[in-house]
């Protein structure tokens, strides 16, 4: 009796492992796009670039550039006001 239950349990566990392995292989074959998975890095992903989403380093540089331009605009306006 115990031997039968043990053999059934081992058989079901074996079938489960075979099923998981098959599922993993099928996902790899089906989800591949042109032989490679899509880029997961934000800076290299073409879909993210199309949406205007950049990596944090590029976004910080853009923000710094905008702040610098605004400061220069305000500085030139204020210097003109002081001279008057």
Protein backbone atom coordinates (compact mmCIF):
# COMPACT_ATOMS: atom_id res chain seq x y z
CA UNK A 1 0.00 0.00 0.00
CA UNK A 2 2.67 2.53 1.00
CA UNK A 3 4.82 1.49 -1.91
CA UNK A 4 1.95 2.13 -4.33
CA UNK A 5 1.34 5.61 -2.92
CA UNK A 6 5.06 6.37 -3.06
CA UNK A 7 5.30 5.26 -6.70
CA UNK A 8 2.24 7.32 -7.64
CA UNK A 9 3.66 10.39 -5.90
CA UNK A 10 7.00 9.99 -7.68
CA UNK A 11 5.19 9.54 -11.01
CA UNK A 12 3.10 12.70 -10.52
CA UNK A 13 6.15 14.70 -9.47
CA UNK A 14 7.98 13.46 -12.57
CA UNK A 15 5.08 14.44 -14.81
CA UNK A 16 4.99 17.87 -13.16
CA UNK A 17 8.70 18.40 -13.79
CA UNK A 18 8.33 17.35 -17.43
CA UNK A 19 5.38 19.73 -17.80
CA UNK A 20 7.32 22.64 -16.30
CA UNK A 21 10.32 21.95 -18.53
CA UNK A 22 8.10 21.79 -21.61
CA UNK A 23 6.38 25.03 -20.65
CA UNK A 24 9.71 26.82 -20.18
CA UNK A 25 11.00 25.61 -23.53
CA UNK A 26 7.80 26.59 -25.32
CA UNK A 27 7.85 30.07 -23.77
CA UNK A 28 11.41 30.56 -24.93
CA UNK A 29 10.55 29.49 -28.46
CA UNK A 30 7.25 31.35 -28.72
CA UNK A 31 8.23 34.61 -26.98
CA UNK A 32 11.46 35.09 -28.88
CA UNK A 33 11.26 37.93 -31.35
CA UNK A 34 13.71 37.53 -34.21
CA UNK A 35 15.85 35.24 -32.09
CA UNK A 36 16.22 37.60 -29.12
CA UNK A 37 14.17 38.91 -26.25
CA UNK A 38 13.34 42.65 -26.25
CA UNK A 39 15.72 44.97 -24.44
CA UNK A 40 14.86 45.42 -20.80
CA UNK A 41 17.08 48.45 -20.26
CA UNK A 42 15.15 51.68 -20.66
CA UNK A 43 17.90 53.41 -22.63
CA UNK A 44 18.14 50.65 -25.23
CA UNK A 45 14.45 49.83 -25.67
CA UNK A 46 13.06 51.26 -28.93
CA UNK A 47 9.45 51.33 -27.69
CA UNK A 48 10.47 53.43 -24.68
CA UNK A 49 12.39 55.80 -26.97
CA UNK A 50 9.30 56.24 -29.16
CA UNK A 51 7.27 57.14 -26.07
CA UNK A 52 9.91 59.68 -25.01
CA UNK A 53 10.98 57.74 -21.93
CA UNK A 54 14.72 57.82 -21.25
CA UNK A 55 16.95 56.34 -18.60
CA UNK A 56 17.38 58.34 -15.40
CA UNK A 57 20.81 59.67 -16.41
CA UNK A 58 19.50 61.16 -19.66
CA UNK A 59 16.41 62.54 -17.93
CA UNK A 60 18.56 64.21 -15.27
CA UNK A 61 20.77 65.80 -17.94
CA UNK A 62 17.69 67.15 -19.73
CA UNK A 63 16.30 68.57 -16.49
CA UNK A 64 19.66 70.16 -15.62
CA UNK A 65 19.84 71.70 -19.10
CA UNK A 66 16.32 73.13 -18.75
CA UNK A 67 17.15 74.61 -15.33
CA UNK A 68 20.36 76.13 -16.67
CA UNK A 69 18.52 77.72 -19.59
CA UNK A 70 15.84 79.13 -17.29
CA UNK A 71 18.50 80.55 -14.95
CA UNK A 72 20.32 82.18 -17.87
CA UNK A 73 17.07 83.70 -19.16
CA UNK A 74 16.19 85.05 -15.72
CA UNK A 75 19.74 86.29 -15.19
CA UNK A 76 19.83 88.25 -18.44
CA UNK A 77 16.40 89.76 -17.75
CA UNK A 78 17.40 90.74 -14.21
CA UNK A 79 20.71 92.25 -15.37
CA UNK A 80 18.79 94.31 -17.91
CA UNK A 81 16.41 95.54 -15.21
CA UNK A 82 19.25 96.57 -12.90
CA UNK A 83 20.88 98.63 -15.63
CA UNK A 84 17.74 100.70 -16.24
